[in-house]
Amino acid sequence: MRTTVVLVGIWIFTLWGPAWTKPAASAPPDLPAFPRWQPPPAADHPPEMGEPDLHGELTSLYRQGLRDQAAGPEFLQAMKRILDRHAPSRLPFREDFTGGAMAPGWQAVRDVWALRDGYVSQTEFRHNTRFMLYYAPGRQWRNYAFTGVAWADPYPAQQSDLRLYFRWQDPDNAYFLQCFHNGQVRLGIRQHGAERILASAQADPKRAASKAPWKILAFQDSLLVLDADRVVLAVSDSTFPSGTIAIEAIHLKGHFTGIRVDPL
């Protein structure tokens, strides 16, 4: 036992003895002192560049601040300004068309839309004429679920349908869901003005006149249509990777409400 104590004492002295006998050659540098976060000053002539997206602006804001001061009032006010500026393009999005005026962001290909009692109606229609009402700030939306209620009263038996457009680029380029009076539904694509059907299915004929919502999922190349929780149509297509939403009635007076977009 006495030998062990002596050896341990020698080992400790070997490691730490020099520090006891002479001072260190140089003291370790002090940790850098970070200043309190402040919003960046406005430049007199900022460089010309593309408009930054929401993620880019928030990332830049966090890099300018300190982790322990990220909840301070100045930081939160700067964040709120960024979020408010990007509000029209953020998800989720919901519109029930309440109020007497069209909500900001909506644009009509033709001025034939009227609001009443929480829905918007297409009041005119002509053969081979586009009347789409679309949400302009959502042009860069990519992967999302689009829910909407569409109905017509009465619903004529001729070749007429209600449409929900998604990944909408312009009146000639988009995907669309067609809802017919007999319950048939089609998932199609309108490319350079020409339409083709990607898939079709038969739903309950009573479904056409009801106000139950349809849901469309657009995730990467997968495009699905759901009636409640049941998948009605499913296809794969990569023509349009992004785009906004739009609504339209073909050859009848259609009504729309309960528009909702959620990220996937």
C-alpha atoms as a PDB file:
ATOM      1  CA  MET A   1       0.000   0.000   0.000  1.00  0.00           C
ATOM      2  CA  ARG A   2       2.842   2.435   0.852  1.00  0.00           C
ATOM      3  CA  THR A   3       4.564   1.760  -2.503  1.00  0.00           C
ATOM      4  CA  THR A   4       1.341   2.574  -4.389  1.00  0.00           C
ATOM      5  CA  VAL A   5       1.034   5.942  -2.668  1.00  0.00           C
ATOM      6  CA  VAL A   6       4.572   6.894  -3.584  1.00  0.00           C
ATOM      7  CA  LEU A   7       4.064   5.979  -7.258  1.00  0.00           C
ATOM      8  CA  VAL A   8       0.843   7.936  -7.511  1.00  0.00           C
ATOM      9  CA  GLY A   9       2.483  10.935  -5.934  1.00  0.00           C
ATOM     10  CA  ILE A  10       5.340  10.785  -8.431  1.00  0.00           C
ATOM     11  CA  TRP A  11       2.863  10.534 -11.359  1.00  0.00           C
ATOM     12  CA  ILE A  12       0.881  13.560 -10.168  1.00  0.00           C
ATOM     13  CA  PHE A  13       4.040  15.580  -9.673  1.00  0.00           C
ATOM     14  CA  THR A  14       5.272  14.639 -13.150  1.00  0.00           C
ATOM     15  CA  LEU A  15       2.064  15.949 -14.741  1.00  0.00           C
ATOM     16  CA  TRP A  16       1.486  19.042 -12.686  1.00  0.00           C
ATOM     17  CA  GLY A  17       4.850  19.832 -11.138  1.00  0.00           C
ATOM     18  CA  PRO A  18       6.007  22.232 -13.925  1.00  0.00           C
ATOM     19  CA  ALA A  19       2.869  24.335 -13.498  1.00  0.00           C
ATOM     20  CA  TRP A  20       3.668  24.765  -9.823  1.00  0.00           C
ATOM     21  CA  THR A  21       7.262  25.846 -10.403  1.00  0.00           C
ATOM     22  CA  LYS A  22       6.911  28.388 -13.220  1.00  0.00           C
ATOM     23  CA  PRO A  23       4.144  30.485 -14.805  1.00  0.00           C
ATOM     24  CA  ALA A  24       2.485  29.495 -18.120  1.00  0.00           C
ATOM     25  CA  ALA A  25       4.158  30.768 -21.273  1.00  0.00           C
ATOM     26  CA  SER A  26       0.987  32.599 -22.442  1.00  0.00           C
ATOM     27  CA  ALA A  27      -2.493  33.058 -21.001  1.00  0.00           C
ATOM     28  CA  PRO A  28      -5.408  31.684 -23.037  1.00  0.00           C
ATOM     29  CA  PRO A  29      -7.191  34.381 -25.058  1.00  0.00           C
ATOM     30  CA  ASP A  30     -10.450  35.761 -23.707  1.00  0.00           C
ATOM     31  CA  LEU A  31     -13.664  34.589 -25.367  1.00  0.00           C
ATOM     32  CA  PRO A  32     -14.981  37.137 -27.867  1.00  0.00           C
ATOM     33  CA  ALA A  33     -17.581  39.527 -26.479  1.00  0.00           C
ATOM     34  CA  PHE A  34     -20.665  39.672 -28.689  1.00  0.00           C
ATOM     35  CA  PRO A  35     -22.531  42.970 -28.866  1.00  0.00           C
ATOM     36  CA  ARG A  36     -26.233  43.173 -28.130  1.00  0.00           C
ATOM     37  CA  TRP A  37     -28.309  42.364 -31.203  1.00  0.00           C
ATOM     38  CA  GLN A  38     -29.603  45.347 -33.165  1.00  0.00           C
ATOM     39  CA  PRO A  39     -31.589  45.440 -36.396  1.00  0.00           C
ATOM     40  CA  PRO A  40     -29.378  46.067 -39.433  1.00  0.00           C
ATOM     41  CA  PRO A  41     -29.316  49.677 -40.660  1.00  0.00           C
ATOM     42  CA  ALA A  42     -31.119  50.488 -43.894  1.00  0.00           C
ATOM     43  CA  ALA A  43     -28.793  51.008 -46.836  1.00  0.00           C
ATOM     44  CA  ASP A  44     -29.113  54.213 -48.841  1.00  0.00           C
ATOM     45  CA  HIS A  45     -28.695  52.353 -52.116  1.00  0.00           C
ATOM     46  CA  PRO A  46     -29.144  48.633 -51.582  1.00  0.00           C
ATOM     47  CA  PRO A  47     -27.705  46.410 -54.301  1.00  0.00           C
ATOM     48  CA  GLU A  48     -30.133  45.151 -56.881  1.00  0.00           C
ATOM     49  CA  MET A  49     -30.998  41.513 -56.350  1.00  0.00           C
ATOM     50  CA  GLY A  50     -33.926  39.145 -56.530  1.00  0.00           C
ATOM     51  CA  GLU A  51     -36.517  39.398 -53.802  1.00  0.00           C
ATOM     52  CA  PRO A  52     -35.417  37.097 -50.946  1.00  0.00           C
ATOM     53  CA  ASP A  53     -37.771  34.356 -49.863  1.00  0.00           C
ATOM     54  CA  LEU A  54     -39.183  33.979 -46.368  1.00  0.00           C
ATOM     55  CA  HIS A  55     -36.724  31.261 -45.342  1.00  0.00           C
ATOM     56  CA  GLY A  56     -33.746  33.298 -46.544  1.00  0.00           C
ATOM     57  CA  GLU A  57     -34.762  36.427 -44.667  1.00  0.00           C
ATOM     58  CA  LEU A  58     -35.429  34.592 -41.414  1.00  0.00           C
ATOM     59  CA  THR A  59     -32.115  32.739 -41.701  1.00  0.00           C
ATOM     60  CA  SER A  60     -30.274  36.014 -42.203  1.00  0.00           C
ATOM     61  CA  LEU A  61     -32.077  37.531 -39.219  1.00  0.00           C
ATOM     62  CA  TYR A  62     -31.039  34.690 -36.923  1.00  0.00           C
ATOM     63  CA  ARG A  63     -27.424  34.908 -38.046  1.00  0.00           C
ATOM     64  CA  GLN A  64     -27.347  38.573 -37.044  1.00  0.00           C
ATOM     65  CA  GLY A  65     -28.590  37.894 -33.521  1.00  0.00           C
ATOM     66  CA  LEU A  66     -27.496  35.953 -30.500  1.00  0.00           C
ATOM     67  CA  ARG A  67     -29.128  32.769 -29.366  1.00  0.00           C
ATOM     68  CA  ASP A  68     -29.767  34.083 -25.867  1.00  0.00           C
ATOM     69  CA  GLN A  69     -31.322  37.309 -27.170  1.00  0.00           C
ATOM     70  CA  ALA A  70     -33.426  35.909 -29.998  1.00  0.00           C
ATOM     71  CA  ALA A  71     -36.603  36.469 -27.983  1.00  0.00           C
ATOM     72  CA  GLY A  72     -35.894  40.126 -27.232  1.00  0.00           C
ATOM     73  CA  PRO A  73     -38.435  42.756 -28.343  1.00  0.00           C
ATOM     74  CA  GLU A  74     -36.235  44.223 -31.089  1.00  0.00           C
ATOM     75  CA  PHE A  75     -35.607  40.791 -32.579  1.00  0.00           C
ATOM     76  CA  LEU A  76     -39.288  39.822 -32.471  1.00  0.00           C
ATOM     77  CA  GLN A  77     -40.346  43.111 -34.066  1.00  0.00           C
ATOM     78  CA  ALA A  78     -37.898  42.572 -36.912  1.00  0.00           C
ATOM     79  CA  MET A  79     -39.219  39.031 -37.374  1.00  0.00           C
ATOM     80  CA  LYS A  80     -42.821  40.272 -37.419  1.00  0.00           C
ATOM     81  CA  ARG A  81     -41.979  42.765 -40.181  1.00  0.00           C
ATOM     82  CA  ILE A  82     -40.560  39.957 -42.290  1.00  0.00           C
ATOM     83  CA  LEU A  83     -43.538  37.657 -41.681  1.00  0.00           C
ATOM     84  CA  ASP A  84     -46.047  40.424 -42.440  1.00  0.00           C
ATOM     85  CA  ARG A  85     -44.280  41.251 -45.701  1.00  0.00           C
ATOM     86  CA  HIS A  86     -44.403  37.617 -46.786  1.00  0.00           C
ATOM     87  CA  ALA A  87     -47.897  36.940 -45.447  1.00  0.00           C
ATOM     88  CA  PRO A  88     -49.603  36.558 -48.868  1.00  0.00           C
ATOM     89  CA  SER A  89     -47.214  33.744 -49.887  1.00  0.00           C
ATOM     90  CA  ARG A  90     -47.144  31.841 -46.594  1.00  0.00           C
ATOM     91  CA  LEU A  91     -48.907  28.599 -45.855  1.00  0.00           C
ATOM     92  CA  PRO A  92     -51.381  27.553 -44.608  1.00  0.00           C
ATOM     93  CA  PHE A  93     -53.894  29.663 -46.504  1.00  0.00           C
ATOM     94  CA  ARG A  94     -57.666  29.856 -46.051  1.00  0.00           C
ATOM     95  CA  GLU A  95     -60.391  31.853 -47.765  1.00  0.00           C
ATOM     96  CA  ASP A  96     -64.146  31.654 -47.171  1.00  0.00           C
ATOM     97  CA  PHE A  97     -64.985  34.754 -49.244  1.00  0.00           C
ATOM     98  CA  THR A  98     -66.647  36.576 -46.374  1.00  0.00           C
ATOM     99  CA  GLY A  99     -67.180  40.317 -46.573  1.00  0.00           C
ATOM    100  CA  GLY A 100     -68.367  42.493 -49.390  1.00  0.00           C
ATOM    101  CA  ALA A 101     -65.071  42.837 -51.279  1.00  0.00           C
ATOM    102  CA  MET A 102     -62.637  40.376 -52.791  1.00  0.00           C
ATOM    103  CA  ALA A 103     -59.767  39.591 -50.429  1.00  0.00           C
ATOM    104  CA  PRO A 104     -56.282  40.839 -51.438  1.00  0.00           C
ATOM    105  CA  GLY A 105     -54.302  38.522 -53.657  1.00  0.00           C
ATOM    106  CA  TRP A 106     -57.176  37.174 -55.767  1.00  0.00           C
ATOM    107  CA  GLN A 107     -57.235  38.056 -59.457  1.00  0.00           C
ATOM    108  CA  ALA A 108     -59.787  37.195 -62.124  1.00  0.00           C
ATOM    109  CA  VAL A 109     -58.990  36.425 -65.737  1.00  0.00           C
ATOM    110  CA  ARG A 110     -62.318  38.118 -66.505  1.00  0.00           C
ATOM    111  CA  ASP A 111     -64.439  40.272 -64.209  1.00  0.00           C
ATOM    112  CA  VAL A 112     -67.458  37.986 -63.828  1.00  0.00           C
ATOM    113  CA  TRP A 113     -67.186  37.085 -60.141  1.00  0.00           C
ATOM    114  CA  ALA A 114     -69.539  38.103 -57.320  1.00  0.00           C
ATOM    115  CA  LEU A 115     -69.378  37.519 -53.556  1.00  0.00           C
ATOM    116  CA  ARG A 116     -72.355  36.635 -51.395  1.00  0.00           C
ATOM    117  CA  ASP A 117     -72.940  34.955 -48.017  1.00  0.00           C
ATOM    118  CA  GLY A 118     -69.479  33.417 -47.732  1.00  0.00           C
ATOM    119  CA  TYR A 119     -69.022  32.112 -51.273  1.00  0.00           C
ATOM    120  CA  VAL A 120     -67.934  33.466 -54.634  1.00  0.00           C
ATOM    121  CA  SER A 121     -69.940  32.822 -57.816  1.00  0.00           C
ATOM    122  CA  GLN A 122     -69.055  32.899 -61.485  1.00  0.00           C
ATOM    123  CA  THR A 123     -71.959  34.865 -62.965  1.00  0.00           C
ATOM    124  CA  GLU A 124     -71.161  34.509 -66.682  1.00  0.00           C
ATOM    125  CA  PHE A 125     -69.825  31.793 -68.967  1.00  0.00           C
ATOM    126  CA  ARG A 126     -69.194  31.490 -72.673  1.00  0.00           C
ATOM    127  CA  HIS A 127     -67.983  28.621 -74.830  1.00  0.00           C
ATOM    128  CA  ASN A 128     -64.166  28.263 -74.923  1.00  0.00           C
ATOM    129  CA  THR A 129     -63.636  31.355 -72.766  1.00  0.00           C
ATOM    130  CA  ARG A 130     -61.542  31.255 -69.627  1.00  0.00           C
ATOM    131  CA  PHE A 131     -63.027  32.849 -66.470  1.00  0.00           C
ATOM    132  CA  MET A 132     -60.606  31.593 -63.825  1.00  0.00           C
ATOM    133  CA  LEU A 133     -60.303  33.262 -60.435  1.00  0.00           C
ATOM    134  CA  TYR A 134     -56.810  32.598 -59.073  1.00  0.00           C
ATOM    135  CA  TYR A 135     -54.700  33.469 -56.042  1.00  0.00           C
ATOM    136  CA  ALA A 136     -51.734  35.344 -57.479  1.00  0.00           C
ATOM    137  CA  PRO A 137     -49.267  35.317 -54.511  1.00  0.00           C
ATOM    138  CA  GLY A 138     -49.199  31.506 -54.498  1.00  0.00           C
ATOM    139  CA  ARG A 139     -47.452  31.081 -57.842  1.00  0.00           C
ATOM    140  CA  GLN A 140     -44.410  29.429 -56.223  1.00  0.00           C
ATOM    141  CA  TRP A 141     -46.326  26.986 -53.992  1.00  0.00           C
ATOM    142  CA  ARG A 142     -44.925  23.487 -54.468  1.00  0.00           C
ATOM    143  CA  ASN A 143     -46.111  20.632 -52.242  1.00  0.00           C
ATOM    144  CA  TYR A 144     -49.520  21.250 -50.688  1.00  0.00           C
ATOM    145  CA  ALA A 145     -53.031  19.998 -50.030  1.00  0.00           C
ATOM    146  CA  PHE A 146     -55.761  22.043 -51.731  1.00  0.00           C
ATOM    147  CA  THR A 147     -59.288  21.755 -50.348  1.00  0.00           C
ATOM    148  CA  GLY A 148     -62.306  23.444 -51.901  1.00  0.00           C
ATOM    149  CA  VAL A 149     -66.090  23.299 -52.050  1.00  0.00           C
ATOM    150  CA  ALA A 150     -67.739  23.686 -55.458  1.00  0.00           C
ATOM    151  CA  TRP A 151     -71.388  23.359 -56.432  1.00  0.00           C
ATOM    152  CA  ALA A 152     -73.989  24.617 -58.907  1.00  0.00           C
ATOM    153  CA  ASP A 153     -77.729  25.020 -58.557  1.00  0.00           C
ATOM    154  CA  PRO A 154     -79.177  23.777 -60.814  1.00  0.00           C
ATOM    155  CA  TYR A 155     -76.506  21.522 -62.285  1.00  0.00           C
ATOM    156  CA  PRO A 156     -77.320  21.114 -66.025  1.00  0.00           C
ATOM    157  CA  ALA A 157     -76.880  17.786 -67.741  1.00  0.00           C
ATOM    158  CA  GLN A 158     -74.988  19.076 -70.762  1.00  0.00           C
ATOM    159  CA  GLN A 159     -71.173  19.010 -70.973  1.00  0.00           C
ATOM    160  CA  SER A 160     -70.576  21.341 -68.049  1.00  0.00           C
ATOM    161  CA  ASP A 161     -68.355  20.987 -65.026  1.00  0.00           C
ATOM    162  CA  LEU A 162     -66.899  22.727 -61.993  1.00  0.00           C
ATOM    163  CA  ARG A 163     -63.121  22.961 -61.785  1.00  0.00           C
ATOM    164  CA  LEU A 164     -60.506  23.254 -59.078  1.00  0.00           C
ATOM    165  CA  TYR A 165     -57.106  24.155 -60.524  1.00  0.00           C
ATOM    166  CA  PHE A 166     -53.823  23.523 -58.744  1.00  0.00           C
ATOM    167  CA  ARG A 167     -50.181  24.239 -59.578  1.00  0.00           C
ATOM    168  CA  TRP A 168     -51.753  26.876 -61.762  1.00  0.00           C
ATOM    169  CA  GLN A 169     -49.269  28.877 -63.849  1.00  0.00           C
ATOM    170  CA  ASP A 170     -51.544  30.873 -66.152  1.00  0.00           C
ATOM    171  CA  PRO A 171     -54.880  30.295 -67.955  1.00  0.00           C
ATOM    172  CA  ASP A 172     -53.226  27.821 -70.332  1.00  0.00           C
ATOM    173  CA  ASN A 173     -51.020  25.843 -67.942  1.00  0.00           C
ATOM    174  CA  ALA A 174     -52.250  23.995 -64.824  1.00  0.00           C
ATOM    175  CA  TYR A 175     -53.619  20.768 -63.424  1.00  0.00           C
ATOM    176  CA  PHE A 176     -57.371  20.622 -62.788  1.00  0.00           C
ATOM    177  CA  LEU A 177     -60.095  18.543 -61.192  1.00  0.00           C
ATOM    178  CA  GLN A 178     -63.388  18.342 -63.121  1.00  0.00           C
ATOM    179  CA  CYS A 179     -66.640  17.571 -61.298  1.00  0.00           C
ATOM    180  CA  PHE A 180     -69.602  16.570 -63.490  1.00  0.00           C
ATOM    181  CA  HIS A 181     -73.334  16.439 -62.749  1.00  0.00           C
ATOM    182  CA  ASN A 182     -73.455  12.606 -62.868  1.00  0.00           C
ATOM    183  CA  GLY A 183     -70.737  12.186 -60.245  1.00  0.00           C
ATOM    184  CA  GLN A 184     -67.901  11.603 -62.662  1.00  0.00           C
ATOM    185  CA  VAL A 185     -64.595  13.229 -61.705  1.00  0.00           C
ATOM    186  CA  ARG A 186     -61.533  13.716 -63.869  1.00  0.00           C
ATOM    187  CA  LEU A 187     -58.001  14.748 -63.139  1.00  0.00           C
ATOM    188  CA  GLY A 188     -56.538  16.571 -66.118  1.00  0.00           C
ATOM    189  CA  ILE A 189     -53.781  18.836 -67.319  1.00  0.00           C
ATOM    190  CA  ARG A 190     -54.054  21.982 -69.401  1.00  0.00           C
ATOM    191  CA  GLN A 191     -50.737  22.597 -71.158  1.00  0.00           C
ATOM    192  CA  HIS A 192     -50.223  25.375 -73.700  1.00  0.00           C
ATOM    193  CA  GLY A 193     -54.007  25.638 -73.948  1.00  0.00           C
ATOM    194  CA  ALA A 194     -54.564  21.965 -74.851  1.00  0.00           C
ATOM    195  CA  GLU A 195     -56.284  19.683 -72.349  1.00  0.00           C
ATOM    196  CA  ARG A 196     -55.855  15.966 -71.737  1.00  0.00           C
ATOM    197  CA  ILE A 197     -57.236  13.703 -69.043  1.00  0.00           C
ATOM    198  CA  LEU A 198     -54.790  11.913 -66.761  1.00  0.00           C
ATOM    199  CA  ALA A 199     -57.355   9.811 -64.858  1.00  0.00           C
ATOM    200  CA  SER A 200     -61.103   9.534 -64.286  1.00  0.00           C
ATOM    201  CA  ALA A 201     -63.435   7.860 -61.796  1.00  0.00           C
ATOM    202  CA  GLN A 202     -67.097   7.644 -60.845  1.00  0.00           C
ATOM    203  CA  ALA A 203     -68.346   9.096 -57.564  1.00  0.00           C
ATOM    204  CA  ASP A 204     -71.830   9.182 -56.084  1.00  0.00           C
ATOM    205  CA  PRO A 205     -74.114  11.205 -58.423  1.00  0.00           C
ATOM    206  CA  LYS A 206     -75.537  13.013 -55.381  1.00  0.00           C
ATOM    207  CA  ARG A 207     -71.995  14.142 -54.611  1.00  0.00           C
ATOM    208  CA  ALA A 208     -72.022  16.603 -57.530  1.00  0.00           C
ATOM    209  CA  ALA A 209     -74.745  18.799 -56.037  1.00  0.00           C
ATOM    210  CA  SER A 210     -73.545  18.564 -52.440  1.00  0.00           C
ATOM    211  CA  LYS A 211     -71.288  21.013 -50.660  1.00  0.00           C
ATOM    212  CA  ALA A 212     -68.855  18.421 -49.343  1.00  0.00           C
ATOM    213  CA  PRO A 213     -65.253  19.505 -49.978  1.00  0.00           C
ATOM    214  CA  TRP A 214     -62.875  17.911 -52.428  1.00  0.00           C
ATOM    215  CA  LYS A 215     -59.211  17.593 -51.503  1.00  0.00           C
ATOM    216  CA  ILE A 216     -56.283  17.535 -53.926  1.00  0.00           C
ATOM    217  CA  LEU A 217     -52.768  16.539 -52.854  1.00  0.00           C
ATOM    218  CA  ALA A 218     -49.784  17.665 -54.917  1.00  0.00           C
ATOM    219  CA  PHE A 219     -46.528  16.289 -53.548  1.00  0.00           C
ATOM    220  CA  GLN A 220     -43.562  16.207 -55.925  1.00  0.00           C
ATOM    221  CA  ASP A 221     -44.811  14.112 -58.885  1.00  0.00           C
ATOM    222  CA  SER A 222     -47.733  12.524 -57.013  1.00  0.00           C
ATOM    223  CA  LEU A 223     -51.196  13.989 -57.655  1.00  0.00           C
ATOM    224  CA  LEU A 224     -54.155  12.620 -55.688  1.00  0.00           C
ATOM    225  CA  VAL A 225     -57.852  13.475 -55.383  1.00  0.00           C
ATOM    226  CA  LEU A 226     -59.713  12.547 -52.193  1.00  0.00           C
ATOM    227  CA  ASP A 227     -63.413  12.455 -51.356  1.00  0.00           C
ATOM    228  CA  ALA A 228     -63.363  12.768 -47.563  1.00  0.00           C
ATOM    229  CA  ASP A 229     -60.538  10.335 -46.670  1.00  0.00           C
ATOM    230  CA  ARG A 230     -61.002   8.065 -49.683  1.00  0.00           C
ATOM    231  CA  VAL A 231     -58.567   8.325 -52.590  1.00  0.00           C
ATOM    232  CA  VAL A 232     -60.607   8.695 -55.790  1.00  0.00           C
ATOM    233  CA  LEU A 233     -57.840   9.441 -58.303  1.00  0.00           C
ATOM    234  CA  ALA A 234     -54.057   9.080 -58.192  1.00  0.00           C
ATOM    235  CA  VAL A 235     -51.551   9.805 -60.958  1.00  0.00           C
ATOM    236  CA  SER A 236     -47.891  10.708 -61.359  1.00  0.00           C
ATOM    237  CA  ASP A 237     -46.896  13.700 -63.496  1.00  0.00           C
ATOM    238  CA  SER A 238     -43.963  16.140 -63.370  1.00  0.00           C
ATOM    239  CA  THR A 239     -45.077  18.778 -65.883  1.00  0.00           C
ATOM    240  CA  PHE A 240     -45.770  21.511 -63.309  1.00  0.00           C
ATOM    241  CA  PRO A 241     -43.634  21.323 -60.138  1.00  0.00           C
ATOM    242  CA  SER A 242     -45.192  24.440 -58.582  1.00  0.00           C
ATOM    243  CA  GLY A 243     -48.040  26.901 -58.960  1.00  0.00           C
ATOM    244  CA  THR A 244     -51.018  28.493 -57.248  1.00  0.00           C
ATOM    245  CA  ILE A 245     -54.724  27.598 -57.067  1.00  0.00           C
ATOM    246  CA  ALA A 246     -57.673  28.695 -59.195  1.00  0.00           C
ATOM    247  CA  ILE A 247     -61.395  28.002 -59.621  1.00  0.00           C
ATOM    248  CA  GLU A 248     -63.739  28.074 -62.608  1.00  0.00           C
ATOM    249  CA  ALA A 249     -67.163  26.933 -63.812  1.00  0.00           C
ATOM    250  CA  ILE A 250     -67.568  25.611 -67.377  1.00  0.00           C
ATOM    251  CA  HIS A 251     -70.916  26.340 -69.062  1.00  0.00           C
ATOM    252  CA  LEU A 252     -72.821  26.952 -65.819  1.00  0.00           C
ATOM    253  CA  LYS A 253     -73.069  29.315 -62.880  1.00  0.00           C
ATOM    254  CA  GLY A 254     -70.804  27.857 -60.238  1.00  0.00           C
ATOM    255  CA  HIS A 255     -70.253  28.645 -56.566  1.00  0.00           C
ATOM    256  CA  PHE A 256     -67.073  28.140 -54.523  1.00  0.00           C
ATOM    257  CA  THR A 257     -66.054  28.478 -50.883  1.00  0.00           C
ATOM    258  CA  GLY A 258     -64.002  26.818 -48.145  1.00  0.00           C
ATOM    259  CA  ILE A 259     -60.742  27.255 -50.018  1.00  0.00           C
ATOM    260  CA  ARG A 260     -57.778  26.004 -48.009  1.00  0.00           C
ATOM    261  CA  VAL A 261     -54.132  25.262 -48.742  1.00  0.00           C
ATOM    262  CA  ASP A 262     -51.885  23.378 -46.311  1.00  0.00           C
ATOM    263  CA  PRO A 263     -48.199  22.521 -46.743  1.00  0.00           C
ATOM    264  CA  LEU A 264     -47.055  18.932 -47.186  1.00  0.00           C
END
